Amino acid sequence: MQSKLILSRRLRSTLIAGALILASWGGAASAADAVVKIDNFTFAPQRLTVKAGTTVTWTNEDDIPHTVVANQKAFKSKVLDTDDKYTFTFTTAGTYDYFCSLHPHMTGTVVVEPATGGGAAP
């Protein structure tokens, strides 16, 4: 009887641990990702709205180098050659304006909403 109780507790602990692993894996897999393409001296989309926790990837599809630099210094890429990528995970709600430091007329905005709730952040 004692061994059945120990086995039952181990099985329950294993099942709980497995459920937690699956839940965390499922959360990571379902986390939203977004893409911004850099092409023809533009960021597309120019304005992107995401939830906090979203990873945004900028891909340079232009045939000349570009950068991605936040006006308020929240993020800054290296120079991106053709097909290079830069990623940043937005954890804090807010509005993030950015530009290409090589071509300052190229601008974009990422609006990050709270992870829960529906209103846009200021």
Protein backbone atom coordinates (compact mmCIF):
# COMPACT_ATOMS: atom_id res chain seq x y z
CA MET A 1 0.00 0.00 0.00
CA GLN A 2 2.85 2.38 0.88
CA SER A 3 4.52 1.81 -2.52
CA LYS A 4 1.21 2.50 -4.34
CA LEU A 5 0.89 5.79 -2.46
CA ILE A 6 4.47 6.79 -3.35
CA LEU A 7 3.92 5.77 -6.96
CA SER A 8 0.66 7.71 -7.07
CA ARG A 9 2.35 10.84 -5.71
CA ARG A 10 5.22 10.51 -8.19
CA LEU A 11 2.79 10.02 -11.05
CA ARG A 12 0.78 13.05 -9.98
CA SER A 13 3.96 15.16 -9.67
CA THR A 14 5.10 14.00 -13.09
CA LEU A 15 1.72 14.81 -14.64
CA ILE A 16 1.66 18.25 -13.04
CA ALA A 17 5.22 18.96 -14.19
CA GLY A 18 4.35 17.78 -17.69
CA ALA A 19 1.25 19.97 -17.76
CA LEU A 20 3.30 23.00 -16.67
CA ILE A 21 5.90 22.33 -19.35
CA LEU A 22 3.22 21.99 -22.01
CA ALA A 23 1.47 25.14 -20.82
CA SER A 24 4.67 27.15 -20.91
CA TRP A 25 5.63 25.70 -24.29
CA GLY A 26 2.18 26.44 -25.67
CA GLY A 27 2.39 30.00 -24.38
CA ALA A 28 5.73 30.56 -26.03
CA ALA A 29 4.61 29.01 -29.29
CA SER A 30 1.45 31.09 -29.37
CA ALA A 31 3.16 34.36 -28.49
CA ALA A 32 2.55 36.80 -31.30
CA ASP A 33 5.37 37.77 -33.58
CA ALA A 34 5.27 40.55 -36.13
CA VAL A 35 7.32 41.39 -39.20
CA VAL A 36 8.31 44.73 -40.70
CA LYS A 37 9.84 44.69 -44.18
CA ILE A 38 12.39 47.28 -45.22
CA ASP A 39 12.19 47.89 -48.96
CA ASN A 40 12.36 50.81 -51.37
CA PHE A 41 13.37 53.18 -48.54
CA THR A 42 10.26 52.39 -46.47
CA PHE A 43 9.25 50.39 -43.43
CA ALA A 44 6.15 48.29 -44.14
CA PRO A 45 3.89 48.51 -42.32
CA GLN A 46 4.88 52.00 -41.31
CA ARG A 47 2.66 51.80 -38.20
CA LEU A 48 2.33 48.50 -36.36
CA THR A 49 0.16 47.78 -33.31
CA VAL A 50 1.09 44.79 -31.13
CA LYS A 51 0.55 43.46 -27.62
CA ALA A 52 3.27 43.63 -24.97
CA GLY A 53 5.46 40.55 -25.22
CA THR A 54 5.48 40.59 -29.02
CA THR A 55 8.76 40.15 -30.86
CA VAL A 56 9.05 42.31 -33.96
CA THR A 57 11.50 41.34 -36.70
CA TRP A 58 12.66 43.87 -39.27
CA THR A 59 14.03 42.34 -42.48
CA ASN A 60 16.02 44.41 -44.95
CA GLU A 61 14.71 43.43 -48.38
CA ASP A 62 16.28 46.50 -49.98
CA ASP A 63 19.54 46.29 -51.91
CA ILE A 64 21.22 48.94 -49.76
CA PRO A 65 21.96 49.00 -46.01
CA HIS A 66 19.52 50.37 -43.41
CA THR A 67 19.21 50.58 -39.63
CA VAL A 68 16.35 50.51 -37.13
CA VAL A 69 16.78 53.06 -34.32
CA ALA A 70 14.21 54.07 -31.71
CA ASN A 71 13.85 57.82 -31.17
CA GLN A 72 13.90 57.30 -27.39
CA LYS A 73 16.84 54.83 -27.55
CA ALA A 74 14.80 51.76 -26.54
CA PHE A 75 16.45 49.76 -29.33
CA LYS A 76 19.08 50.15 -32.03
CA SER A 77 20.13 47.72 -34.74
CA LYS A 78 23.49 47.36 -36.37
CA VAL A 79 23.66 48.23 -40.06
CA LEU A 80 21.47 45.70 -41.86
CA ASP A 81 22.65 44.56 -45.26
CA THR A 82 20.28 42.89 -47.74
CA ASP A 83 18.40 40.00 -46.08
CA ASP A 84 19.75 40.85 -42.60
CA LYS A 85 17.25 40.84 -39.75
CA TYR A 86 16.90 42.65 -36.46
CA THR A 87 14.53 41.58 -33.69
CA PHE A 88 13.28 43.31 -30.58
CA THR A 89 10.76 42.13 -28.00
CA PHE A 90 8.44 44.86 -26.74
CA THR A 91 7.69 44.24 -23.06
CA THR A 92 6.35 47.66 -22.10
CA ALA A 93 3.22 49.34 -23.44
CA GLY A 94 3.79 52.61 -25.24
CA THR A 95 4.45 54.22 -28.60
CA TYR A 96 7.86 53.62 -30.12
CA ASP A 97 8.81 55.87 -33.03
CA TYR A 98 11.87 54.78 -34.98
CA PHE A 99 13.90 55.69 -38.07
CA CYS A 100 16.81 54.59 -40.26
CA SER A 101 19.93 56.44 -39.11
CA LEU A 102 21.37 56.20 -42.63
CA HIS A 103 18.21 57.60 -44.24
CA PRO A 104 16.40 59.68 -41.56
CA HIS A 105 13.38 60.30 -43.79
CA MET A 106 12.54 56.60 -43.29
CA THR A 107 10.32 56.42 -40.21
CA GLY A 108 8.01 53.99 -38.52
CA THR A 109 6.01 53.46 -35.33
CA VAL A 110 5.28 50.48 -33.13
CA VAL A 111 2.33 50.93 -30.78
CA VAL A 112 2.47 48.43 -27.93
CA GLU A 113 -0.76 47.74 -26.08
CA PRO A 114 -0.89 46.05 -22.67
CA ALA A 115 -0.80 42.26 -22.92
CA THR A 116 -4.29 42.13 -21.40
CA GLY A 117 -7.02 44.60 -22.12
CA GLY A 118 -7.79 46.41 -25.32
CA GLY A 119 -6.85 50.07 -25.06
CA ALA A 120 -3.88 51.56 -26.86
CA ALA A 121 -1.12 52.83 -24.64
CA PRO A 122 -0.29 56.55 -24.62
